[in-house]
């Protein structure tokens, strides 16, 4: 669990691998334990993301070898 410390919305295609994702959010989440982690918010429209929003981790399984922590609003 944690809360959004800061965020940005990416509109430019900086890498071809993300061209189908723009616009997408990049957030820095301050975890309840103290550390901060960069990730994404899923399930919330970009225009509704706010600093201080409470979030919970969600693990996105990209393949059998790769799982990425993302967050959902609570």
Protein backbone atom coordinates (compact mmCIF):
# COMPACT_ATOMS: atom_id res chain seq x y z
CA UNK A 1 0.00 0.00 0.00
CA UNK A 2 1.05 3.59 -0.50
CA UNK A 3 0.14 6.93 -2.04
CA UNK A 4 1.11 8.85 -5.14
CA UNK A 5 4.01 11.16 -4.37
CA UNK A 6 4.24 12.66 -7.89
CA UNK A 7 3.30 11.73 -11.45
CA UNK A 8 3.50 12.69 -15.10
CA UNK A 9 1.54 11.87 -18.23
CA UNK A 10 3.67 10.85 -21.22
CA UNK A 11 2.39 12.13 -24.57
CA UNK A 12 5.56 11.73 -26.65
CA UNK A 13 6.73 8.44 -28.09
CA UNK A 14 10.22 8.24 -26.58
CA UNK A 15 10.63 4.54 -27.40
CA UNK A 16 8.89 2.60 -30.19
CA UNK A 17 7.87 -0.10 -27.71
CA UNK A 18 5.45 2.34 -26.06
CA UNK A 19 3.91 3.91 -29.20
CA UNK A 20 0.58 2.12 -28.69
CA UNK A 21 0.43 3.20 -25.02
CA UNK A 22 0.55 7.01 -25.28
CA UNK A 23 -0.70 8.85 -23.38
CA UNK A 24 0.34 6.82 -20.35
CA UNK A 25 1.09 7.71 -16.74
CA UNK A 26 4.32 7.36 -14.82
CA UNK A 27 3.92 7.67 -11.06
CA UNK A 28 6.20 7.69 -8.07
CA UNK A 29 4.48 5.87 -5.22
CA UNK A 30 5.59 6.35 -1.64
CA UNK A 31 5.08 2.96 -0.03
CA UNK A 32 3.65 2.68 3.48
CA UNK A 33 7.06 1.36 4.58
CA UNK A 34 8.79 4.55 3.36
CA UNK A 35 10.62 3.77 0.09
CA UNK A 36 9.41 5.22 -3.21
CA UNK A 37 8.93 3.22 -6.41
CA UNK A 38 8.31 4.28 -10.03
CA UNK A 39 5.39 2.54 -11.70
CA UNK A 40 2.02 3.07 -13.39
CA UNK A 41 -1.57 3.42 -12.21
CA UNK A 42 -4.02 1.04 -13.89
CA UNK A 43 -7.80 1.29 -13.93
CA UNK A 44 -7.92 5.06 -13.35
CA UNK A 45 -8.19 7.61 -16.17
CA UNK A 46 -5.08 9.79 -16.41
CA UNK A 47 -7.08 12.96 -15.72
CA UNK A 48 -8.22 11.56 -12.36
CA UNK A 49 -4.77 10.77 -10.96
CA UNK A 50 -3.90 13.02 -8.02
CA UNK A 51 -0.94 13.50 -5.69
CA UNK A 52 -1.82 11.86 -2.37
CA UNK A 53 -4.15 9.29 -3.97
CA UNK A 54 -4.12 6.05 -1.97
CA UNK A 55 -3.02 3.04 -4.03
CA UNK A 56 -2.49 -0.70 -3.65
CA UNK A 57 0.01 -2.85 -5.53
CA UNK A 58 -1.12 -5.01 -8.45
CA UNK A 59 1.31 -7.45 -10.09
CA UNK A 60 1.11 -7.45 -13.90
CA UNK A 61 2.44 -10.75 -15.28
CA UNK A 62 4.03 -9.93 -18.63
CA UNK A 63 5.47 -13.42 -19.18
CA UNK A 64 6.47 -16.50 -17.20
CA UNK A 65 9.75 -14.74 -16.34
CA UNK A 66 8.63 -11.13 -15.88
CA UNK A 67 6.12 -9.66 -13.42
CA UNK A 68 5.88 -5.88 -12.96
CA UNK A 69 4.43 -4.12 -9.90
CA UNK A 70 1.77 -1.60 -10.87
CA UNK A 71 -0.82 0.13 -8.72
CA UNK A 72 -4.59 0.54 -8.48
CA UNK A 73 -6.46 3.31 -6.67
CA UNK A 74 -8.19 2.29 -3.45
